[in-house]
PDB file of all heavy atoms in Angstrom:
ATOM      1  N   ALA A   1      16.179   7.923 -54.459  1.00  0.00           N
ATOM      2  CA  ALA A   1      17.463   7.445 -53.767  1.00  0.00           C
ATOM      3  C   ALA A   1      17.143   7.272 -52.291  1.00  0.00           C
ATOM      4  O   ALA A   1      16.659   8.133 -51.657  1.00  0.00           O
ATOM      5  CB  ALA A   1      18.521   8.510 -53.940  1.00  0.00           C
ATOM      6  N   GLN A   2      17.426   6.096 -51.817  1.00  0.00           N
ATOM      7  CA  GLN A   2      17.165   5.810 -50.435  1.00  0.00           C
ATOM      8  C   GLN A   2      18.130   6.554 -49.532  1.00  0.00           C
ATOM      9  O   GLN A   2      19.306   6.512 -49.841  1.00  0.00           O
ATOM     10  CB  GLN A   2      17.171   4.272 -50.198  1.00  0.00           C
ATOM     11  CG  GLN A   2      16.764   3.776 -48.784  1.00  0.00           C
ATOM     12  CD  GLN A   2      16.788   2.295 -48.633  1.00  0.00           C
ATOM     13  OE1 GLN A   2      17.849   1.784 -48.638  1.00  0.00           O
ATOM     14  NE2 GLN A   2      15.621   1.661 -48.547  1.00  0.00           N
ATOM     15  N   ILE A   3      17.592   6.851 -48.347  1.00  0.00           N
ATOM     16  CA  ILE A   3      18.479   7.498 -47.214  1.00  0.00           C
ATOM     17  C   ILE A   3      18.510   6.493 -46.147  1.00  0.00           C
ATOM     18  O   ILE A   3      17.530   5.870 -45.748  1.00  0.00           O
ATOM     19  CB  ILE A   3      17.878   8.805 -46.833  1.00  0.00           C
ATOM     20  CG1 ILE A   3      17.982   9.810 -47.879  1.00  0.00           C
ATOM     21  CG2 ILE A   3      18.573   9.343 -45.579  1.00  0.00           C
ATOM     22  CD1 ILE A   3      17.199  11.131 -47.587  1.00  0.00           C
ATOM     23  N   CYS A   4      19.625   6.322 -45.530  1.00  0.00           N
ATOM     24  CA  CYS A   4      19.867   5.353 -44.508  1.00  0.00           C
ATOM     25  C   CYS A   4      20.191   6.145 -43.158  1.00  0.00           C
ATOM     26  O   CYS A   4      21.107   6.934 -43.133  1.00  0.00           O
ATOM     27  CB  CYS A   4      21.051   4.404 -44.838  1.00  0.00           C
ATOM     28  SG  CYS A   4      21.429   3.195 -43.589  1.00  0.00           S
ATOM     29  N   ILE A   5      19.526   5.742 -42.109  1.00  0.00           N
ATOM     30  CA  ILE A   5      19.880   6.224 -40.725  1.00  0.00           C
ATOM     31  C   ILE A   5      20.425   4.892 -40.051  1.00  0.00           C
ATOM     32  O   ILE A   5      19.726   3.975 -39.697  1.00  0.00           O
ATOM     33  CB  ILE A   5      18.586   6.631 -39.966  1.00  0.00           C
ATOM     34  CG1 ILE A   5      17.883   7.817 -40.764  1.00  0.00           C
ATOM     35  CG2 ILE A   5      18.994   7.181 -38.557  1.00  0.00           C
ATOM     36  CD1 ILE A   5      16.620   8.275 -40.117  1.00  0.00           C
ATOM     37  N   ALA A   6      21.714   5.014 -39.769  1.00  0.00           N
ATOM     38  CA  ALA A   6      22.439   3.883 -39.121  1.00  0.00           C
ATOM     39  C   ALA A   6      22.619   4.203 -37.634  1.00  0.00           C
ATOM     40  O   ALA A   6      22.808   5.355 -37.178  1.00  0.00           O
ATOM     41  CB  ALA A   6      23.760   3.842 -39.756  1.00  0.00           C
ATOM     42  N   VAL A   7      22.488   3.257 -36.777  1.00  0.00           N
ATOM     43  CA  VAL A   7      22.639   3.367 -35.333  1.00  0.00           C
ATOM     44  C   VAL A   7      23.716   2.371 -34.920  1.00  0.00           C
ATOM     45  O   VAL A   7      23.688   1.152 -35.209  1.00  0.00           O
ATOM     46  CB  VAL A   7      21.292   3.082 -34.607  1.00  0.00           C
ATOM     47  CG1 VAL A   7      21.433   3.192 -33.096  1.00  0.00           C
ATOM     48  CG2 VAL A   7      20.197   3.929 -35.123  1.00  0.00           C
ATOM     49  N   GLY A   8      24.577   2.845 -34.026  1.00  0.00           N
ATOM     50  CA  GLY A   8      25.633   2.047 -33.470  1.00  0.00           C
ATOM     51  C   GLY A   8      26.205   2.545 -32.138  1.00  0.00           C
ATOM     52  O   GLY A   8      25.825   3.647 -31.705  1.00  0.00           O
ATOM     53  N   ALA A   9      27.034   1.709 -31.549  1.00  0.00           N
ATOM     54  CA  ALA A   9      27.563   2.056 -30.250  1.00  0.00           C
ATOM     55  C   ALA A   9      28.907   1.442 -30.005  1.00  0.00           C
ATOM     56  O   ALA A   9      29.208   0.413 -30.586  1.00  0.00           O
ATOM     57  CB  ALA A   9      26.668   1.729 -29.148  1.00  0.00           C
ATOM     58  N   GLY A  10      29.831   2.127 -29.201  1.00  0.00           N
ATOM     59  CA  GLY A  10      31.147   1.632 -28.847  1.00  0.00           C
ATOM     60  C   GLY A  10      31.202   1.522 -27.290  1.00  0.00           C
ATOM     61  O   GLY A  10      30.063   1.532 -26.587  1.00  0.00           O
ATOM     62  N   ASP A  11      32.363   1.446 -26.808  1.00  0.00           N
ATOM     63  CA  ASP A  11      32.481   1.331 -25.328  1.00  0.00           C
ATOM     64  C   ASP A  11      32.164   2.690 -24.598  1.00  0.00           C
ATOM     65  O   ASP A  11      31.444   2.645 -23.552  1.00  0.00           O
ATOM     66  CB  ASP A  11      33.881   0.886 -24.946  1.00  0.00           C
ATOM     67  CG  ASP A  11      34.292  -0.374 -25.374  1.00  0.00           C
ATOM     68  OD1 ASP A  11      33.335  -1.219 -25.588  1.00  0.00           O
ATOM     69  OD2 ASP A  11      35.438  -0.671 -25.602  1.00  0.00           O
ATOM     70  N   GLN A  12      32.591   3.802 -25.172  1.00  0.00           N
ATOM     71  CA  GLN A  12      32.280   5.133 -24.570  1.00  0.00           C
ATOM     72  C   GLN A  12      31.264   5.932 -25.243  1.00  0.00           C
ATOM     73  O   GLN A  12      30.690   6.911 -24.760  1.00  0.00           O
ATOM     74  CB  GLN A  12      33.609   5.839 -24.538  1.00  0.00           C
ATOM     75  CG  GLN A  12      34.705   5.068 -23.648  1.00  0.00           C
ATOM     76  CD  GLN A  12      34.328   4.940 -22.242  1.00  0.00           C
ATOM     77  OE1 GLN A  12      33.737   5.886 -21.662  1.00  0.00           O
ATOM     78  NE2 GLN A  12      34.821   3.872 -21.566  1.00  0.00           N
ATOM     79  N   GLU A  13      31.051   5.639 -26.515  1.00  0.00           N
ATOM     80  CA  GLU A  13      30.146   6.575 -27.339  1.00  0.00           C
ATOM     81  C   GLU A  13      29.184   5.714 -28.151  1.00  0.00           C
ATOM     82  O   GLU A  13      29.420   4.565 -28.484  1.00  0.00           O
ATOM     83  CB  GLU A  13      31.026   7.401 -28.296  1.00  0.00           C
ATOM     84  CG  GLU A  13      32.038   8.344 -27.694  1.00  0.00           C
ATOM     85  CD  GLU A  13      32.907   8.999 -28.708  1.00  0.00           C
ATOM     86  OE1 GLU A  13      33.192   8.428 -29.768  1.00  0.00           O
ATOM     87  OE2 GLU A  13      33.415  10.145 -28.349  1.00  0.00           O
ATOM     88  N   ALA A  14      27.992   6.420 -28.440  1.00  0.00           N
ATOM     89  CA  ALA A  14      26.991   5.900 -29.306  1.00  0.00           C
ATOM     90  C   ALA A  14      26.867   6.903 -30.381  1.00  0.00           C
ATOM     91  O   ALA A  14      27.020   8.143 -30.216  1.00  0.00           O
ATOM     92  CB  ALA A  14      25.746   5.698 -28.387  1.00  0.00           C
ATOM     93  N   TRP A  15      26.301   6.379 -31.540  1.00  0.00           N
ATOM     94  CA  TRP A  15      26.191   7.319 -32.721  1.00  0.00           C
ATOM     95  C   TRP A  15      25.028   7.050 -33.527  1.00  0.00           C
ATOM     96  O   TRP A  15      24.487   5.868 -33.596  1.00  0.00           O
ATOM     97  CB  TRP A  15      27.387   7.232 -33.559  1.00  0.00           C
ATOM     98  CG  TRP A  15      27.945   5.861 -33.928  1.00  0.00           C
ATOM     99  CD1 TRP A  15      28.824   5.138 -33.173  1.00  0.00           C
ATOM    100  CD2 TRP A  15      27.506   5.084 -35.030  1.00  0.00           C
ATOM    101  NE1 TRP A  15      28.979   3.948 -33.852  1.00  0.00           N
ATOM    102  CE2 TRP A  15      28.175   3.905 -34.924  1.00  0.00           C
ATOM    103  CE3 TRP A  15      26.619   5.350 -36.063  1.00  0.00           C
ATOM    104  CZ2 TRP A  15      28.039   2.824 -35.877  1.00  0.00           C
ATOM    105  CZ3 TRP A  15      26.492   4.262 -37.016  1.00  0.00           C
ATOM    106  CH2 TRP A  15      27.148   3.105 -36.872  1.00  0.00           C
ATOM    107  N   LEU A  16      24.581   8.107 -34.288  1.00  0.00           N
ATOM    108  CA  LEU A  16      23.556   8.050 -35.272  1.00  0.00           C
ATOM    109  C   LEU A  16      24.179   8.619 -36.543  1.00  0.00           C
ATOM    110  O   LEU A  16      24.751   9.759 -36.459  1.00  0.00           O
ATOM    111  CB  LEU A  16      22.281   8.864 -34.910  1.00  0.00           C
ATOM    112  CG  LEU A  16      21.344   8.343 -33.785  1.00  0.00           C
ATOM    113  CD1 LEU A  16      20.563   9.374 -33.280  1.00  0.00           C
ATOM    114  CD2 LEU A  16      20.519   7.147 -34.420  1.00  0.00           C
ATOM    115  N   ALA A  17      24.010   7.912 -37.750  1.00  0.00           N
ATOM    116  CA  ALA A  17      24.597   8.417 -38.900  1.00  0.00           C
ATOM    117  C   ALA A  17      23.505   8.506 -39.985  1.00  0.00           C
ATOM    118  O   ALA A  17      22.667   7.663 -40.150  1.00  0.00           O
ATOM    119  CB  ALA A  17      25.669   7.463 -39.412  1.00  0.00           C
ATOM    120  N   VAL A  18      23.529   9.609 -40.774  1.00  0.00           N
ATOM    121  CA  VAL A  18      22.490   9.906 -41.839  1.00  0.00           C
ATOM    122  C   VAL A  18      23.311   9.851 -43.136  1.00  0.00           C
ATOM    123  O   VAL A  18      24.181  10.666 -43.362  1.00  0.00           O
ATOM    124  CB  VAL A  18      21.772  11.259 -41.605  1.00  0.00           C
ATOM    125  CG1 VAL A  18      20.833  11.455 -42.822  1.00  0.00           C
ATOM    126  CG2 VAL A  18      21.036  11.211 -40.281  1.00  0.00           C
ATOM    127  N   GLU A  19      23.058   8.973 -43.999  1.00  0.00           N
ATOM    128  CA  GLU A  19      23.780   8.766 -45.219  1.00  0.00           C
ATOM    129  C   GLU A  19      22.889   8.918 -46.359  1.00  0.00           C
ATOM    130  O   GLU A  19      21.816   8.464 -46.358  1.00  0.00           O
ATOM    131  CB  GLU A  19      24.439   7.313 -45.268  1.00  0.00           C
ATOM    132  CG  GLU A  19      25.336   6.959 -44.152  1.00  0.00           C
ATOM    133  CD  GLU A  19      26.001   5.579 -44.296  1.00  0.00           C
ATOM    134  OE1 GLU A  19      26.105   5.088 -45.441  1.00  0.00           O
ATOM    135  OE2 GLU A  19      26.362   5.107 -43.283  1.00  0.00           O
ATOM    136  N   ASP A  20      23.374   9.670 -47.344  1.00  0.00           N
ATOM    137  CA  ASP A  20      22.618   9.854 -48.566  1.00  0.00           C
ATOM    138  C   ASP A  20      23.605   9.628 -49.792  1.00  0.00           C
ATOM    139  O   ASP A  20      24.768   9.688 -49.658  1.00  0.00           O
ATOM    140  CB  ASP A  20      21.863  11.159 -48.612  1.00  0.00           C
ATOM    141  CG  ASP A  20      22.926  12.276 -48.723  1.00  0.00           C
ATOM    142  OD1 ASP A  20      23.537  12.598 -49.826  1.00  0.00           O
ATOM    143  OD2 ASP A  20      23.071  13.141 -47.717  1.00  0.00           O
ATOM    144  N   SER A  21      23.027   9.575 -50.880  1.00  0.00           N
ATOM    145  CA  SER A  21      23.798   9.478 -52.166  1.00  0.00           C
ATOM    146  C   SER A  21      23.561  10.536 -53.113  1.00  0.00           C
ATOM    147  O   SER A  21      23.378  10.467 -54.278  1.00  0.00           O
ATOM    148  CB  SER A  21      23.478   8.079 -52.889  1.00  0.00           C
ATOM    149  OG  SER A  21      22.130   7.959 -53.177  1.00  0.00           O
ATOM    150  N   GLY A  22      23.453  11.765 -52.455  1.00  0.00           N
ATOM    151  CA  GLY A  22      23.025  12.945 -53.262  1.00  0.00           C
ATOM    152  C   GLY A  22      24.285  13.603 -53.872  1.00  0.00           C
ATOM    153  O   GLY A  22      25.176  12.962 -54.160  1.00  0.00           O
ATOM    154  N   VAL A  23      24.125  14.979 -54.089  1.00  0.00           N
ATOM    155  CA  VAL A  23      25.097  15.752 -54.805  1.00  0.00           C
ATOM    156  C   VAL A  23      26.486  15.883 -53.990  1.00  0.00           C
ATOM    157  O   VAL A  23      27.501  16.024 -54.543  1.00  0.00           O
ATOM    158  CB  VAL A  23      24.593  17.055 -55.245  1.00  0.00           C
ATOM    159  CG1 VAL A  23      23.474  16.996 -56.186  1.00  0.00           C
ATOM    160  CG2 VAL A  23      24.184  17.919 -53.957  1.00  0.00           C
ATOM    161  N   GLY A  24      26.401  15.798 -52.698  1.00  0.00           N
ATOM    162  CA  GLY A  24      27.536  15.966 -51.903  1.00  0.00           C
ATOM    163  C   GLY A  24      28.042  17.413 -51.761  1.00  0.00           C
ATOM    164  O   GLY A  24      27.418  18.357 -52.412  1.00  0.00           O
ATOM    165  N   MET A  25      29.083  17.614 -51.047  1.00  0.00           N
ATOM    166  CA  MET A  25      29.668  18.935 -50.830  1.00  0.00           C
ATOM    167  C   MET A  25      31.174  18.911 -51.045  1.00  0.00           C
ATOM    168  O   MET A  25      31.770  17.951 -50.635  1.00  0.00           O
ATOM    169  CB  MET A  25      29.330  19.472 -49.493  1.00  0.00           C
ATOM    170  CG  MET A  25      27.842  19.711 -49.211  1.00  0.00           C
ATOM    171  SD  MET A  25      27.352  20.093 -47.576  1.00  0.00           S
ATOM    172  CE  MET A  25      27.685  18.544 -46.706  1.00  0.00           C
ATOM    173  N   ASP A  26      31.826  20.086 -51.467  1.00  0.00           N
ATOM    174  CA  ASP A  26      33.234  20.039 -51.460  1.00  0.00           C
ATOM    175  C   ASP A  26      33.830  20.385 -50.183  1.00  0.00           C
ATOM    176  O   ASP A  26      33.137  20.749 -49.264  1.00  0.00           O
ATOM    177  CB  ASP A  26      33.755  21.002 -52.516  1.00  0.00           C
ATOM    178  CG  ASP A  26      33.326  22.527 -52.224  1.00  0.00           C
ATOM    179  OD1 ASP A  26      33.380  22.892 -51.127  1.00  0.00           O
ATOM    180  OD2 ASP A  26      32.816  23.184 -53.181  1.00  0.00           O
ATOM    181  N   GLU A  27      35.134  20.062 -50.011  1.00  0.00           N
ATOM    182  CA  GLU A  27      35.752  20.214 -48.749  1.00  0.00           C
ATOM    183  C   GLU A  27      35.790  21.646 -48.224  1.00  0.00           C
ATOM    184  O   GLU A  27      35.615  21.902 -47.022  1.00  0.00           O
ATOM    185  CB  GLU A  27      37.189  19.675 -48.727  1.00  0.00           C
ATOM    186  CG  GLU A  27      37.942  19.611 -47.479  1.00  0.00           C
ATOM    187  CD  GLU A  27      39.316  19.043 -47.574  1.00  0.00           C
ATOM    188  OE1 GLU A  27      39.686  18.544 -48.599  1.00  0.00           O
ATOM    189  OE2 GLU A  27      40.038  19.143 -46.605  1.00  0.00           O
ATOM    190  N   ASP A  28      35.903  22.606 -49.154  1.00  0.00           N
ATOM    191  CA  ASP A  28      36.005  23.947 -48.746  1.00  0.00           C
ATOM    192  C   ASP A  28      34.673  24.449 -48.121  1.00  0.00           C
ATOM    193  O   ASP A  28      34.597  25.127 -47.113  1.00  0.00           O
ATOM    194  CB  ASP A  28      36.299  24.893 -49.968  1.00  0.00           C
ATOM    195  CG  ASP A  28      36.386  26.358 -49.538  1.00  0.00           C
ATOM    196  OD1 ASP A  28      37.318  26.707 -48.851  1.00  0.00           O
ATOM    197  OD2 ASP A  28      35.458  27.128 -49.991  1.00  0.00           O
ATOM    198  N   PHE A  29      33.504  23.947 -48.707  1.00  0.00           N
ATOM    199  CA  PHE A  29      32.198  24.356 -48.232  1.00  0.00           C
ATOM    200  C   PHE A  29      31.998  23.746 -46.802  1.00  0.00           C
ATOM    201  O   PHE A  29      31.473  24.353 -45.891  1.00  0.00           O
ATOM    202  CB  PHE A  29      31.104  23.916 -49.233  1.00  0.00           C
ATOM    203  CG  PHE A  29      29.706  24.317 -48.720  1.00  0.00           C
ATOM    204  CD1 PHE A  29      29.224  25.493 -49.036  1.00  0.00           C
ATOM    205  CD2 PHE A  29      28.974  23.471 -47.979  1.00  0.00           C
ATOM    206  CE1 PHE A  29      27.962  25.865 -48.594  1.00  0.00           C
ATOM    207  CE2 PHE A  29      27.739  23.771 -47.606  1.00  0.00           C
ATOM    208  CZ  PHE A  29      27.138  25.053 -47.842  1.00  0.00           C
ATOM    209  N   VAL A  30      32.443  22.420 -46.603  1.00  0.00           N
ATOM    210  CA  VAL A  30      32.255  21.847 -45.377  1.00  0.00           C
ATOM    211  C   VAL A  30      33.106  22.511 -44.284  1.00  0.00           C
ATOM    212  O   VAL A  30      32.610  22.689 -43.124  1.00  0.00           O
ATOM    213  CB  VAL A  30      32.733  20.319 -45.425  1.00  0.00           C
ATOM    214  CG1 VAL A  30      32.763  19.622 -44.062  1.00  0.00           C
ATOM    215  CG2 VAL A  30      31.826  19.620 -46.430  1.00  0.00           C
ATOM    216  N   GLN A  31      34.255  22.982 -44.548  1.00  0.00           N
ATOM    217  CA  GLN A  31      35.142  23.496 -43.566  1.00  0.00           C
ATOM    218  C   GLN A  31      34.793  24.966 -43.308  1.00  0.00           C
ATOM    219  O   GLN A  31      34.741  25.495 -42.219  1.00  0.00           O
ATOM    220  CB  GLN A  31      36.633  23.554 -44.056  1.00  0.00           C
ATOM    221  CG  GLN A  31      37.222  22.169 -44.209  1.00  0.00           C
ATOM    222  CD  GLN A  31      37.302  21.463 -42.927  1.00  0.00           C
ATOM    223  OE1 GLN A  31      37.531  22.133 -41.840  1.00  0.00           O
ATOM    224  NE2 GLN A  31      37.294  20.169 -42.886  1.00  0.00           N
ATOM    225  N   GLN A  32      34.295  25.770 -44.356  1.00  0.00           N
ATOM    226  CA  GLN A  32      34.087  27.157 -44.142  1.00  0.00           C
ATOM    227  C   GLN A  32      32.621  27.610 -44.026  1.00  0.00           C
ATOM    228  O   GLN A  32      32.392  28.526 -43.296  1.00  0.00           O
ATOM    229  CB  GLN A  32      34.701  27.951 -45.379  1.00  0.00           C
ATOM    230  CG  GLN A  32      36.126  27.645 -45.658  1.00  0.00           C
ATOM    231  CD  GLN A  32      36.987  28.194 -44.530  1.00  0.00           C
ATOM    232  OE1 GLN A  32      36.744  29.126 -43.959  1.00  0.00           O
ATOM    233  NE2 GLN A  32      38.186  27.502 -44.406  1.00  0.00           N
ATOM    234  N   LYS A  33      31.703  26.847 -44.636  1.00  0.00           N
ATOM    235  CA  LYS A  33      30.364  27.411 -44.693  1.00  0.00           C
ATOM    236  C   LYS A  33      29.216  26.560 -44.083  1.00  0.00           C
ATOM    237  O   LYS A  33      28.128  26.988 -43.814  1.00  0.00           O
ATOM    238  CB  LYS A  33      29.952  27.841 -46.084  1.00  0.00           C
ATOM    239  CG  LYS A  33      30.878  28.857 -46.681  1.00  0.00           C
ATOM    240  CD  LYS A  33      30.446  29.185 -48.236  1.00  0.00           C
ATOM    241  CE  LYS A  33      31.319  30.260 -48.771  1.00  0.00           C
ATOM    242  NZ  LYS A  33      30.892  30.520 -50.152  1.00  0.00           N
ATOM    243  N   LEU A  34      29.472  25.227 -43.995  1.00  0.00           N
ATOM    244  CA  LEU A  34      28.429  24.268 -43.686  1.00  0.00           C
ATOM    245  C   LEU A  34      27.712  24.653 -42.408  1.00  0.00           C
ATOM    246  O   LEU A  34      26.495  24.685 -42.308  1.00  0.00           O
ATOM    247  CB  LEU A  34      29.020  22.932 -43.639  1.00  0.00           C
ATOM    248  CG  LEU A  34      27.975  21.809 -43.233  1.00  0.00           C
ATOM    249  CD1 LEU A  34      26.737  21.812 -44.180  1.00  0.00           C
ATOM    250  CD2 LEU A  34      28.635  20.451 -43.096  1.00  0.00           C
TER     251      LEU A  34
END
């Protein structure tokens, strides 16, 4: 499965995004434990 590193910018902020198509995480894990 390919992983994508996306690069972009706006007026005030610039960003790097790491996207995968893996197993993912539930909302509770993201909020409480990640």
